[in-house]
Amino acid sequence: MTKIQLRYPLIRPLDDSDLDNVANLRGVYGILQLRTTPSLDAVILEYDASRLSEQDVESALYRFGIPIQRALV
């Protein structure tokens, strides 16, 4: 297992309606942890890089409605 952490800035702060989406994101195989920064302006996601690519992770965040800013390529 290769654990990787990515930081994604948020478009807006997470609210109560996002909590179910965050919980459902935990069901994605290879995603280990999602937490907010202390300032609540970004999320830090830990995932297994032997299971998912960075693009897979970003796609899952969008699919579950987590309001992240698109990563710069």
N, C-alpha and C. Protein backbone atom coordinates (compact mmCIF):
# COMPACT_ATOMS: atom_id res chain seq x y z
N MET A 1 0.85 -1.17 0.00
CA MET A 1 0.00 0.00 0.00
C MET A 1 0.89 1.24 0.00
N THR A 2 0.56 2.16 -0.89
CA THR A 2 1.27 3.43 -0.97
C THR A 2 0.29 4.54 -0.63
N LYS A 3 0.43 5.11 0.54
CA LYS A 3 -0.48 6.17 0.99
C LYS A 3 -0.02 7.52 0.45
N ILE A 4 -0.95 8.25 -0.13
CA ILE A 4 -0.70 9.58 -0.67
C ILE A 4 -1.71 10.54 -0.06
N GLN A 5 -1.28 11.75 0.23
CA GLN A 5 -2.19 12.79 0.71
C GLN A 5 -2.25 13.90 -0.33
N LEU A 6 -3.47 14.34 -0.63
CA LEU A 6 -3.69 15.46 -1.53
C LEU A 6 -4.49 16.52 -0.81
N ARG A 7 -4.18 17.76 -1.10
CA ARG A 7 -4.92 18.89 -0.51
C ARG A 7 -5.70 19.56 -1.62
N TYR A 8 -7.00 19.73 -1.40
CA TYR A 8 -7.88 20.39 -2.35
C TYR A 8 -8.54 21.59 -1.69
N PRO A 9 -8.34 22.79 -2.25
CA PRO A 9 -9.07 23.96 -1.74
C PRO A 9 -10.57 23.79 -2.01
N LEU A 10 -11.36 24.33 -1.12
CA LEU A 10 -12.82 24.26 -1.26
C LEU A 10 -13.36 25.52 -1.93
N ILE A 11 -14.39 25.35 -2.74
CA ILE A 11 -15.07 26.49 -3.36
C ILE A 11 -15.88 27.24 -2.30
N ARG A 12 -16.43 26.47 -1.37
CA ARG A 12 -17.21 27.03 -0.27
C ARG A 12 -17.01 26.11 0.93
N PRO A 13 -17.29 26.59 2.12
CA PRO A 13 -17.16 25.71 3.30
C PRO A 13 -18.15 24.55 3.21
N LEU A 14 -17.77 23.42 3.77
CA LEU A 14 -18.68 22.28 3.84
C LEU A 14 -19.81 22.61 4.81
N ASP A 15 -21.01 22.16 4.48
CA ASP A 15 -22.14 22.38 5.38
C ASP A 15 -22.82 21.04 5.67
N ASP A 16 -23.91 21.09 6.41
CA ASP A 16 -24.59 19.87 6.83
C ASP A 16 -25.02 18.99 5.64
N SER A 17 -25.39 19.63 4.54
CA SER A 17 -25.84 18.85 3.38
C SER A 17 -24.70 18.07 2.74
N ASP A 18 -23.47 18.44 3.02
CA ASP A 18 -22.31 17.74 2.46
C ASP A 18 -21.90 16.52 3.29
N LEU A 19 -22.41 16.40 4.50
CA LEU A 19 -21.95 15.34 5.39
C LEU A 19 -22.26 13.94 4.87
N ASP A 20 -23.43 13.75 4.27
CA ASP A 20 -23.76 12.44 3.70
C ASP A 20 -22.81 12.11 2.54
N ASN A 21 -22.50 13.12 1.73
CA ASN A 21 -21.59 12.90 0.61
C ASN A 21 -20.19 12.52 1.10
N VAL A 22 -19.74 13.17 2.14
CA VAL A 22 -18.43 12.83 2.72
C VAL A 22 -18.45 11.40 3.25
N ALA A 23 -19.53 11.03 3.91
CA ALA A 23 -19.66 9.66 4.44
C ALA A 23 -19.67 8.64 3.31
N ASN A 24 -20.38 8.93 2.24
CA ASN A 24 -20.45 8.01 1.10
C ASN A 24 -19.12 7.89 0.38
N LEU A 25 -18.33 8.94 0.40
CA LEU A 25 -17.01 8.90 -0.24
C LEU A 25 -16.12 7.85 0.40
N ARG A 26 -16.32 7.59 1.68
CA ARG A 26 -15.53 6.58 2.39
C ARG A 26 -15.76 5.18 1.81
N GLY A 27 -16.85 4.98 1.09
CA GLY A 27 -17.14 3.69 0.49
C GLY A 27 -16.37 3.42 -0.80
N VAL A 28 -15.63 4.41 -1.30
CA VAL A 28 -14.85 4.23 -2.52
C VAL A 28 -13.59 3.45 -2.17
N TYR A 29 -13.42 2.32 -2.85
CA TYR A 29 -12.27 1.45 -2.58
C TYR A 29 -10.98 2.21 -2.83
N GLY A 30 -10.12 2.28 -1.83
CA GLY A 30 -8.83 2.95 -1.95
C GLY A 30 -8.77 4.30 -1.27
N ILE A 31 -9.92 4.91 -0.97
CA ILE A 31 -9.92 6.18 -0.24
C ILE A 31 -9.89 5.85 1.24
N LEU A 32 -8.89 6.39 1.92
CA LEU A 32 -8.65 6.03 3.31
C LEU A 32 -9.20 7.05 4.30
N GLN A 33 -9.05 8.34 3.98
CA GLN A 33 -9.45 9.37 4.96
C GLN A 33 -9.69 10.69 4.24
N LEU A 34 -10.66 11.43 4.72
CA LEU A 34 -10.92 12.79 4.26
C LEU A 34 -11.10 13.65 5.50
N ARG A 35 -10.33 14.72 5.58
CA ARG A 35 -10.47 15.63 6.72
C ARG A 35 -10.33 17.07 6.23
N THR A 36 -10.82 18.00 7.02
CA THR A 36 -10.70 19.41 6.67
C THR A 36 -9.45 19.99 7.32
N THR A 37 -8.96 21.06 6.74
CA THR A 37 -7.87 21.79 7.35
C THR A 37 -8.43 22.56 8.54
N PRO A 38 -7.58 22.96 9.48
CA PRO A 38 -8.08 23.72 10.64
C PRO A 38 -8.81 25.01 10.26
N SER A 39 -8.42 25.61 9.15
CA SER A 39 -9.07 26.85 8.71
C SER A 39 -10.38 26.58 7.94
N LEU A 40 -10.70 25.32 7.69
CA LEU A 40 -11.92 24.88 7.00
C LEU A 40 -12.03 25.38 5.57
N ASP A 41 -10.90 25.74 4.95
CA ASP A 41 -10.94 26.23 3.57
C ASP A 41 -10.45 25.19 2.56
N ALA A 42 -10.10 23.99 3.05
CA ALA A 42 -9.60 22.93 2.17
C ALA A 42 -9.84 21.58 2.83
N VAL A 43 -9.76 20.53 2.01
CA VAL A 43 -9.82 19.16 2.52
C VAL A 43 -8.51 18.47 2.19
N ILE A 44 -8.14 17.54 3.05
CA ILE A 44 -6.97 16.71 2.82
C ILE A 44 -7.47 15.28 2.70
N LEU A 45 -7.16 14.67 1.58
CA LEU A 45 -7.63 13.33 1.31
C LEU A 45 -6.43 12.38 1.26
N GLU A 46 -6.54 11.27 1.97
CA GLU A 46 -5.50 10.25 1.95
C GLU A 46 -6.06 9.04 1.20
N TYR A 47 -5.26 8.54 0.25
CA TYR A 47 -5.72 7.41 -0.54
C TYR A 47 -4.57 6.45 -0.83
N ASP A 48 -4.94 5.27 -1.28
CA ASP A 48 -3.99 4.21 -1.62
C ASP A 48 -3.66 4.35 -3.11
N ALA A 49 -2.44 4.79 -3.41
CA ALA A 49 -2.03 5.02 -4.79
C ALA A 49 -1.85 3.73 -5.58
N SER A 50 -1.79 2.59 -4.90
CA SER A 50 -1.72 1.33 -5.64
C SER A 50 -3.11 0.92 -6.12
N ARG A 51 -4.15 1.58 -5.66
CA ARG A 51 -5.54 1.29 -6.05
C ARG A 51 -6.15 2.38 -6.93
N LEU A 52 -5.78 3.63 -6.70
CA LEU A 52 -6.39 4.77 -7.39
C LEU A 52 -5.32 5.70 -7.92
N SER A 53 -5.65 6.40 -8.99
CA SER A 53 -4.77 7.48 -9.48
C SER A 53 -5.31 8.80 -8.93
N GLU A 54 -4.55 9.85 -9.09
CA GLU A 54 -5.00 11.16 -8.64
C GLU A 54 -6.26 11.59 -9.39
N GLN A 55 -6.34 11.23 -10.67
CA GLN A 55 -7.53 11.56 -11.46
C GLN A 55 -8.76 10.80 -10.94
N ASP A 56 -8.57 9.54 -10.52
CA ASP A 56 -9.68 8.77 -9.95
C ASP A 56 -10.20 9.42 -8.68
N VAL A 57 -9.28 9.91 -7.86
CA VAL A 57 -9.65 10.55 -6.60
C VAL A 57 -10.44 11.82 -6.86
N GLU A 58 -9.94 12.65 -7.77
CA GLU A 58 -10.61 13.90 -8.08
C GLU A 58 -11.99 13.63 -8.67
N SER A 59 -12.09 12.63 -9.52
CA SER A 59 -13.38 12.26 -10.11
C SER A 59 -14.37 11.83 -9.03
N ALA A 60 -13.91 11.05 -8.06
CA ALA A 60 -14.78 10.61 -6.97
C ALA A 60 -15.26 11.80 -6.14
N LEU A 61 -14.38 12.76 -5.88
CA LEU A 61 -14.79 13.95 -5.13
C LEU A 61 -15.89 14.70 -5.85
N TYR A 62 -15.74 14.88 -7.16
CA TYR A 62 -16.78 15.55 -7.95
C TYR A 62 -18.06 14.73 -7.98
N ARG A 63 -17.94 13.42 -8.16
CA ARG A 63 -19.12 12.55 -8.25
C ARG A 63 -19.95 12.61 -6.98
N PHE A 64 -19.28 12.74 -5.83
CA PHE A 64 -20.00 12.79 -4.56
C PHE A 64 -20.33 14.21 -4.12
N GLY A 65 -20.08 15.18 -4.98
CA GLY A 65 -20.51 16.55 -4.71
C GLY A 65 -19.69 17.31 -3.70
N ILE A 66 -18.46 16.90 -3.47
CA ILE A 66 -17.59 17.65 -2.55
C ILE A 66 -17.14 18.91 -3.30
N PRO A 67 -17.36 20.10 -2.75
CA PRO A 67 -17.14 21.35 -3.50
C PRO A 67 -15.66 21.78 -3.57
N ILE A 68 -14.86 20.98 -4.27
CA ILE A 68 -13.45 21.30 -4.40
C ILE A 68 -13.21 22.16 -5.64
N GLN A 69 -12.12 22.90 -5.61
CA GLN A 69 -11.69 23.62 -6.80
C GLN A 69 -10.95 22.64 -7.70
N ARG A 70 -11.11 22.81 -8.98
CA ARG A 70 -10.45 21.93 -9.93
C ARG A 70 -8.93 22.08 -9.80
N ALA A 71 -8.26 20.95 -9.80
CA ALA A 71 -6.81 20.96 -9.68
C ALA A 71 -6.21 21.53 -10.97
N LEU A 72 -5.14 22.25 -10.84
CA LEU A 72 -4.44 22.79 -12.01
C LEU A 72 -3.58 21.70 -12.63
N VAL A 73 -3.65 21.60 -13.94
CA VAL A 73 -2.87 20.57 -14.63
C VAL A 73 -1.72 21.20 -15.36
